Amino acid sequence: MKKKTKRVALAGVLSASAVLLMSLGSVITSLDMTAAFAAGILVIIARIECDRVTALGVYAASGLLAFVLLPNKNTAIVFVFYGGLYSIIKEFCELIKNKPLMWAVKIVVSNVMLTLIIWLGMYFTVASDEPLGFVWWVYLLGNFIFVVYDIALTLMISRYYALFKRGRS
């Protein structure tokens, strides 16, 4: 019982923290994508500290609350369809032992998610500036940023394990 209570409490704190991060990105619009990706890191912490079900719960609760509470829906869209979602998918992509195939799958997944958020951003939000659209340089830049983000995420996960999970099982 105590372990379950601890897991529920941690999930609640991580979900609230994710929504708080996304609210910062919703208010300061230049930070909307950064806030969504930072909130995705909290989903990974839920996976490390608890299990997949808890991570999915943090992802779902944070995404739902972001859509309901945030004034700027762009941050919620990026979290639900990219930043938070990739935090769930990353673990499965890394089960592929062939490194070139693993990276190919990750990049395809990234491009599908990028296309989805561009489409949702164009048709379901009010953009104050000209929409970027489906131009090649958006995907080129997006893929570069994704690779850097994925490598940084892997390093952060390794560091988290080294700092907080050493000696615990």
Protein backbone atom coordinates (compact mmCIF):
# COMPACT_ATOMS: atom_id res chain seq x y z
CA MET A 1 0.00 0.00 0.00
CA LYS A 2 2.77 2.42 0.92
CA LYS A 3 4.57 1.87 -2.40
CA LYS A 4 1.37 2.52 -4.36
CA THR A 5 0.70 5.72 -2.40
CA LYS A 6 4.23 6.92 -3.06
CA ARG A 7 3.83 6.20 -6.80
CA VAL A 8 0.51 8.09 -6.97
CA ALA A 9 1.96 11.05 -5.07
CA LEU A 10 5.04 11.18 -7.30
CA ALA A 11 2.84 10.99 -10.41
CA GLY A 12 0.74 13.90 -9.12
CA VAL A 13 3.79 16.03 -8.36
CA LEU A 14 5.37 15.26 -11.74
CA SER A 15 2.11 16.00 -13.59
CA ALA A 16 1.65 19.30 -11.76
CA SER A 17 5.28 20.21 -12.43
CA ALA A 18 4.86 19.41 -16.13
CA VAL A 19 1.78 21.64 -16.35
CA LEU A 20 3.63 24.38 -14.47
CA LEU A 21 6.53 24.19 -16.94
CA MET A 22 4.13 24.27 -19.88
CA SER A 23 2.29 27.26 -18.41
CA LEU A 24 5.58 29.14 -18.47
CA GLY A 25 5.89 28.27 -22.16
CA SER A 26 2.29 29.24 -22.74
CA VAL A 27 2.80 32.70 -21.23
CA ILE A 28 6.24 33.34 -22.74
CA THR A 29 5.53 32.14 -26.27
CA SER A 30 9.18 31.99 -27.31
CA LEU A 31 9.57 29.17 -24.76
CA ASP A 32 6.59 27.07 -25.84
CA MET A 33 8.56 24.24 -27.46
CA THR A 34 11.28 24.31 -24.81
CA ALA A 35 8.70 24.04 -22.04
CA ALA A 36 6.94 21.15 -23.79
CA PHE A 37 10.19 19.21 -24.17
CA ALA A 38 11.25 19.97 -20.57
CA ALA A 39 7.88 18.67 -19.40
CA GLY A 40 8.58 15.50 -21.38
CA ILE A 41 11.64 14.89 -19.20
CA LEU A 42 9.29 14.61 -16.22
CA VAL A 43 7.50 11.75 -18.01
CA ILE A 44 10.86 9.98 -18.27
CA ILE A 45 11.46 10.50 -14.55
CA ALA A 46 8.08 8.86 -13.87
CA ARG A 47 9.17 5.90 -16.00
CA ILE A 48 12.51 5.58 -14.21
CA GLU A 49 11.13 5.96 -10.69
CA CYS A 50 7.92 3.96 -11.13
CA ASP A 51 6.85 2.09 -14.27
CA ARG A 52 5.43 2.50 -17.77
CA VAL A 53 1.86 2.78 -16.53
CA THR A 54 2.76 5.67 -14.23
CA ALA A 55 4.69 7.37 -17.03
CA LEU A 56 1.66 7.05 -19.32
CA GLY A 57 -0.51 8.45 -16.54
CA VAL A 58 1.77 11.47 -16.07
CA TYR A 59 1.81 11.99 -19.85
CA ALA A 60 -1.98 11.75 -20.15
CA ALA A 61 -2.78 13.86 -17.09
CA SER A 62 -0.26 16.55 -18.02
CA GLY A 63 -1.47 16.69 -21.60
CA LEU A 64 -5.14 16.85 -20.65
CA LEU A 65 -4.56 19.51 -18.01
CA ALA A 66 -2.42 21.52 -20.43
CA PHE A 67 -5.22 21.55 -23.00
CA VAL A 68 -7.79 22.53 -20.40
CA LEU A 69 -5.82 25.10 -18.41
CA LEU A 70 -3.31 26.77 -20.71
CA PRO A 71 -4.33 29.88 -22.62
CA ASN A 72 -1.93 29.13 -25.50
CA LYS A 73 -2.63 25.65 -26.87
CA ASN A 74 0.62 25.49 -28.89
CA THR A 75 2.55 24.29 -25.85
CA ALA A 76 -0.03 21.59 -25.15
CA ILE A 77 0.02 20.46 -28.80
CA VAL A 78 3.82 20.19 -28.82
CA PHE A 79 3.80 18.27 -25.53
CA VAL A 80 1.05 15.82 -26.45
CA PHE A 81 2.17 15.15 -30.01
CA TYR A 82 5.95 15.45 -29.68
CA GLY A 83 7.79 16.24 -26.41
CA GLY A 84 5.78 14.05 -24.06
CA LEU A 85 5.00 11.40 -26.65
CA TYR A 86 8.65 10.95 -27.61
CA SER A 87 9.47 10.47 -23.93
CA ILE A 88 7.29 7.34 -24.07
CA ILE A 89 8.43 6.14 -27.51
CA LYS A 90 12.19 6.61 -26.92
CA GLU A 91 12.44 3.52 -24.72
CA PHE A 92 10.91 1.31 -27.41
CA CYS A 93 13.07 2.76 -30.19
CA GLU A 94 16.18 1.98 -28.18
CA LEU A 95 15.26 -1.70 -27.96
CA ILE A 96 16.44 -1.93 -31.59
CA LYS A 97 20.00 -3.23 -31.37
CA ASN A 98 21.07 -2.17 -34.87
CA LYS A 99 22.18 1.47 -34.34
CA PRO A 100 21.60 2.74 -37.91
CA LEU A 101 18.13 1.15 -37.96
CA MET A 102 17.38 2.56 -34.50
CA TRP A 103 18.32 6.08 -35.63
CA ALA A 104 16.33 5.67 -38.86
CA VAL A 105 13.24 4.68 -36.85
CA LYS A 106 13.76 7.58 -34.43
CA ILE A 107 14.08 10.10 -37.28
CA VAL A 108 11.01 8.75 -39.07
CA VAL A 109 9.03 8.92 -35.82
CA SER A 110 10.32 12.45 -35.25
CA ASN A 111 9.29 13.57 -38.73
CA VAL A 112 5.81 12.07 -38.33
CA MET A 113 5.39 13.90 -35.02
CA LEU A 114 6.78 17.14 -36.51
CA THR A 115 4.36 16.92 -39.43
CA LEU A 116 1.50 16.33 -37.02
CA ILE A 117 2.27 19.36 -34.86
CA ILE A 118 2.77 21.58 -37.91
CA TRP A 119 -0.59 20.47 -39.26
CA LEU A 120 -2.33 20.89 -35.90
CA GLY A 121 -0.65 24.25 -35.36
CA MET A 122 -1.81 25.50 -38.75
CA TYR A 123 -5.41 24.34 -38.48
CA PHE A 124 -6.28 24.41 -34.78
CA THR A 125 -4.46 27.38 -33.30
CA VAL A 126 -4.35 31.04 -34.08
CA ALA A 127 -0.82 31.88 -35.19
CA SER A 128 0.23 35.48 -34.76
CA ASP A 129 2.80 35.22 -37.53
CA GLU A 130 2.97 33.48 -40.88
CA PRO A 131 2.75 29.68 -40.45
CA LEU A 132 5.96 27.85 -41.27
CA GLY A 133 4.23 25.25 -43.38
CA PHE A 134 5.75 22.11 -44.77
CA VAL A 135 9.01 23.51 -46.13
CA TRP A 136 12.19 21.49 -46.37
CA TRP A 137 14.28 23.70 -44.06
CA VAL A 138 11.81 23.20 -41.19
CA TYR A 139 12.38 19.45 -41.42
CA LEU A 140 16.15 19.85 -41.82
CA LEU A 141 16.37 22.07 -38.76
CA GLY A 142 13.85 19.91 -36.90
CA ASN A 143 15.90 16.76 -37.53
CA PHE A 144 19.10 18.45 -36.37
CA ILE A 145 17.42 19.69 -33.19
CA PHE A 146 15.86 16.25 -32.64
CA VAL A 147 19.23 14.45 -32.86
CA VAL A 148 20.79 16.92 -30.40
CA TYR A 149 17.77 16.57 -28.09
CA ASP A 150 17.87 12.77 -28.22
CA ILE A 151 21.57 12.64 -27.41
CA ALA A 152 21.11 15.16 -24.57
CA LEU A 153 18.16 13.15 -23.26
CA THR A 154 20.23 9.96 -23.26
CA LEU A 155 23.01 11.75 -21.36
CA MET A 156 20.50 13.17 -18.84
CA ILE A 157 18.98 9.73 -18.27
CA SER A 158 22.43 8.21 -17.73
CA ARG A 159 23.34 11.01 -15.32
CA TYR A 160 20.03 10.59 -13.47
CA TYR A 161 20.75 6.90 -12.97
CA ALA A 162 24.30 7.65 -11.81
CA LEU A 163 23.17 10.28 -9.30
CA PHE A 164 19.88 8.95 -7.97
CA LYS A 165 19.58 5.24 -8.74
CA ARG A 166 23.07 4.04 -7.76
CA GLY A 167 22.74 1.29 -5.19
CA ARG A 168 18.93 1.19 -5.48
CA SER A 169 17.08 -1.41 -7.46
